[in-house]
Each structure stands twice: as C-alpha cells, then as structure tokens.
Amino acid sequence: MTAKRPKLKKKKIDAKLYKMTKNTSEYGKNDIKKQVGKTSLIMSLVSEEFPDVVPYRAEEITIPADVTPERVPTHIVDYSGISLVCLGLCLSQANVICIVYSVNNKKSIEKVTSHWIPLITENTDKDSRVPLILVGNKSDLVEHSSMETILPIMNQYSEIETCVECSAKNLKNISELFYYAQKAVLHPTGPLYCPEKKDMKPLCVKALTRIFKVSDLDNDGTLNDNELNFFQRMCFNTPLEPQALEDVKNVVRRNLIDGVCDNGLTLKGFLFLHTLFIQRGRHETTWTVLRRFGYDDDLELNQDYLFPPLKIPPDCTTELNHKAYLFLQGVFDKHDKDRDCALSPEELKDLFDVFPYMPWGPDVNNTVCTNDQGWITYQGYLSQWTLTTYLDVQRCLEYLGYLGYSIIAEQECQASGITVTRDKKIDLQKKQTQRSVFHCNVFGDIGSGKSGFLQGFLGRNLMRQKMIREEHRSYYSISTTYVYGQEKYLLLHEVFPDFDYLADADMACDIVCLLYDVNNPYSFEYCAKVFKQYFMDSKTPCMMIAAKSDLPEARQTYGCSPLEFCRRHKMPPPQSFTCNTAGAPSRDIYTKLTTMAMYPFVKTYIIYVSYIIHARLRCMCTCNRCTFCLCQNFLNSELLQTVRAKLYAVVLRRCIATYLHISQADLKSSTFWLRVSVGATVFAVLGFAMCRVLLKSR
C-alpha cells in the first residue's frame, strides 16, 4: 500500500465514521490468513477494530488533516488486485510506500528484496528518492521479533526509513504505522543522515553551519544563552528554561570535548546535537530548524524564501528602509572585529561565508568609498547595498535572505526591508520628493574624463586613480551628499559613448551630466549632440561639466562656446572640475547635481544661486526650518563673520580716533550716549534686514 498527499479533491472521511466499500470477496478467513494483511491494516486503522469480513480490496480513502498528528491529509491506496500497469502509476505518484510482510512467513520477508524493492525502484524517479516503510504484520501470531532479519535489509537499502511491527487483529502499532509514513514524507532521514557512516551528510552539515553562523549574533564562534534562547524562540516559538539549557550543554560536554567553550555552544557541539536528534529518531527537530531558515526537502534554499513577491509599479524605484539599514549595520558591526569602521578582505570573506558564492567582486572597491588600504568603509558598505537595491532589488532580496534578515530582524520576509518609492510624476506634481537615492547618468566622449569624474566622487585624485587596474574598473560610483542638511545618495553611472544607440535605461535617470574635456577642441561637440537628440525636449535636468580644468582651455570647434550653448538652452553655466589635485577633489559639483536631481521642478538658475548662498550656511540640526536653526546658521555663517569683523574694525578705529578728542564732560553728557544708542539700534536693524534677505530663498 502507498500513502501520498492528494493532488485532486478526494472523498474525505470523518474522524470516527469512515465509508468503506461494501463489496466483499468470497474469500473465507482461512484464505485471508495466506495473505500478509495489507487490507486488514487499512480497515483496522479507519474502523478502529479488526473486521470480521475482510474485502478483497479496500477503497481508496483520504484521512483528513485534523485527525493526523502532523496535520497533513493522507491518501491511502490498497495495492490488492491492482494490475502492474496501474501499480506502476501509483508508485510514481506516491510520496511514501509501505511494504507489508508477515512476520510468521519467511517467504514474504524474502520477497521484500527479491520482488518489491526492485519493482519500486523500476517505477519511481531515480533523482527523487521515495522513502520506504517496512511493516511486519501479524505480530500477534509469533512470540519473537523479525527485526534481526530485517536490520540487514535496512542497512543495505538507504531508502528504507524505518520498520514497524504491528498487528491488525490486536490494533498494535496501527496508528504509529501511518504516523511514521507521514513522518517519512515530512521529515525524511535520507537527505540528513548516512546510516553507513553514522554521520550527517555534507549538505546537511553545510546548511546547519550556515544556520549556526547566522544565529551567532556577536560572531564569537559560540552560541551563548541569549543566542540559544533567541534561536529556540525563532524556531519553536518558545524559549528554553535555564535548567533545560544547562542540561543540553551537559549532554554535549559528556560526549564532546570542545562542544562547549566559555559556557557557549560551539559549531561542533551544535552539529553533534542535531546528529543526536536524528540518531534518536527526532528528525522533525532538525527539519523544523532547516525549514525555518528557508531550506526545502533537497536542503537547498527555497526560491519562495529567497525571492518573496514584491510589486514595483512603473516609474518607481526601490530603496532600503530604516529596518533594513539597522539590520545591515548590525551585520557590519558583527564582522568588523578590529573596530576600524572598515572591512578587511578577511572580514569581508567571513561576512559572506553564509553565501553560496562571493557576491562582491574587486570592482566594488572602485564603486564605493574605501580607506587608504583599499578596504570598504562603513559608508561604502551601506552605499553598495543601496546600489544593489536600486539597480537589482531581486538580488538584494536574495542577499538579505542569505544573511537571515527575516529571522534576525523578526520580519515576515525580506520584502519588509524594501521601500518602493512613489511615481516620479507624483513628485513633480507635488513639487517634493521623499526619495533618498538619485540617479545621474554621465555622458561624454572617449577620453573626456568620465571615469575620473566617477572616482573623484569617491575622494580619489588622479594619482590614486592611476593605481586602479583596468579589469577592476567600475562603471558606477555611489556615495552620500548633503543637500540642505539632508543626507542623500547620489548614484553616478558612466554611459558608454555610443551616440547612435542609447537604450531606455541610459536615458532613465534623475539628472544628466554632460562632460567634456576643456583641453580637447572636439570634445564638447559630442555633449551638444547628445543633449539635442535625447534630452532637449525632456524634463530631465542637465548640467554641463568642464572636466580637466587644470589644463589649458582649448577653443571648441562646435558652432558656439559651451557657455553660450548653456545660456541658449537655459542650463547652468559649465561647471569646472578636475581630479588632478593634491588631496581629494572638491565635492561641490556633486552636491549641485544632487540638488538639481531633488528639485527638477525648480528653475536651475535659482538652484544654483540658492546653493551658493547655502554653501556658507551650515545647518545646526536636521530640520533646517525652525527659527532657532535659521538664526544659528546666520550667526555662525562665514559671510556674517566677515561683515561683523570688518564693522568691528571700523568702529574700533573710529572710537580710538575720536577718544582722544572726547572730554570727560562729553562722556558724562546724555547727548553722547543717545547717539551711541541710536547707532547701535540702526546697526541691529540693518543686520536683521540682511538676515531676512539672505534667508528669503529658504
């Protein structure tokens, strides 16, 4: 007989009343004794009593989920009287197969290996192993056990999950038989354990090792009491009592020398515990842990776990939200062992040890900010995650799944860490945006300095750029800028200079950067043609960059100068840029680009003037709108400090010059002090008026 999960709607039976076929055969009781008792087992299960008259074949039945221990519906098919063709079809559809033999009949035991197992192997898929359950019936007729004869068979065939001796007449182990059949499907031993080696299989060890490393929240190589309780609560929805926790560690201590270290469970101890569970028949414990961490029956991470559904409407972008950034910050702190706010190659390798492959290549070091040693900094680490989320959110979901985001952050799935921004058209209508990442495509002719412009954003001058190997070159760079006190990500993308063909992705951006070489008289022509053909009639803001401004400026062969071209098309004047500096290149140009990307609905010349004013006014807080913040900004601005210093100097010189001519009587006269008070009042009023003028654009 076979047991399988129903694919079609079958006739269900009540927990206490099971409708069986009324057709009975003409075989008497003496004839029934010659069989192994397959039909009797089924009827004893459903009626909870041994039938006086056994039909030739039991009708196919479905046991409802609510009457089974595992809460899974079980469809039972009786083999008796089925042709070999129908039997082959039933075997190919079965999830578990029970081979019944009679414990008092040696020929039926021999037939298990000589007939039934070869027949099953022939009619089932070689790649998907079907678990087998050996059932020794009629144990009430003998006083001895058949296990000594069956054990060699179980050792020979790894697909045999277990053996159960039972009696349909006495109802002995009948319910246990079908429980083990369900258990063999839901919690199979085959993928986990190798009976010959008496150890877990490599795939199981690999999966449990990843689970251990994800659960090791402080990355010290052991699971302390807090981490074990968190693990227990995540997998089984209940924490361990202190005494139970100590008992578990004592079991490991007695069997393994290095299973417990500093009162914490090591990886070896963790693997030993699961080996012990499997050897004692508690496969469900290990399978519960594996499935909670996203593994399927083949011990591969489930696709539904790695790629949860996420709907992204057109013209919307994807960003990490606060919960995802907090999780990623925790992962960074967990692996930054030397606390230098950067990940060395060894630390980065350790971080991605829970991945099936290394997700970041050498080009990442030229995409984000690094320290002087070339190690990815904390800011660069978050920037790369932001870049992945923006360009390929499905890959980001996959990466978060490998890191165990849904478990450690206690979220339903990785999609809860992603924010889908609203349509850009709505931002333009409302004249405000809530986005944090802005995309800038950089266009320019060959040799115009696009790569230098991207690397300059990461703080690398020309000297450091010469050290970059060509095979490690990146066409992206991303970092943060501050616009009016708000931290934003600017993503620069170098577009390949193919003027005749530009894909939609090359034109889909928040701002366009047209870059030309001031020393090359033919460089500007490419920028002018790209602008006229692709962006002149679009609403995407554009900015012209005069790169390599440290070199002598050559006259461009195009019909008009870059300055005149920008004036005609109502663009800001060309912005000078060079990365041939002693230190890091200036970041002012990148702040201007981010500002224009944030406010495409504002005239570009207003943004440019506003930027010049606000470059001197640093925010004291993140709001940048309150009265206190505005006043403090104005009082601490370089502009006011300069004016105030000059006024103080003039007043001081005036006072010194007139002091020598002022008599003692004049100092005591009210007229003198009245003039001083009026002068101070006038000065205060002028200062307030100047403040209002400077801050009016805010």
Foldseek 3Di string as FASTA:
>chain_A
DFKAADPDDDDAADQAGGDKDPDADPDAPVVVVVDLQQQLLVVCVRNVAGDNGGGQAIDWYWYALVNAPVSGIMIDGTPGPDDLVVVLVVLQRGQEEEQTAEFVDVVSVVCVPVPVVVSSCVSYDPVDQRAYEYEHEPPVVDDDDCVVVCVVVCLVDVSYQYYYYAYSHVRGCSSVRVNVRVCCRLQNCVQFADVVVLAGDPLLLLLLVLVVCLLPLLQPQFQAQVSQQLLCCLQPVGGDDPVRLVVLVVVLVVPDVPQADPRTGGSVVSRVVQSVCVVVPNSVVSSSSQVSLQADPNSDRDPCQLFPDDDADPQKFKFFDPLVVVVVVSLVNSLPVVPPQFADPVSLCSSCVLPPDRPDDLLLLQAEADDPVSTQGNQSSNFVLGVCRGPPVSVSSNVCSSSPSCSVSVHPGSNVRMDIFDHVVVCLVVQAGPDQEFEEEEDWDPPFCPQVVQSLLNQAFPVVVVPDDPVSHDQKHKGWDADLQDIGIYIYGYDDHDQVDDDPVNLPGLAYEYTGEQQDQATVVSSVSSCVPRPLPDLRYYAYEHEPVVDDGDHHPPPDGQQVSCVVSQHPGYHYWYRNDPTRTDCLVVNLRVQCSRRSNDRSVLSVVLSVLCVQFDFPDRVSPDPVRLVVSLVPGPVVVVVVVVVVVVVVVVCVVCVVVDDPVNVVDPVNVVVVVVVVVVVVVVSVVVSCVSPVSD
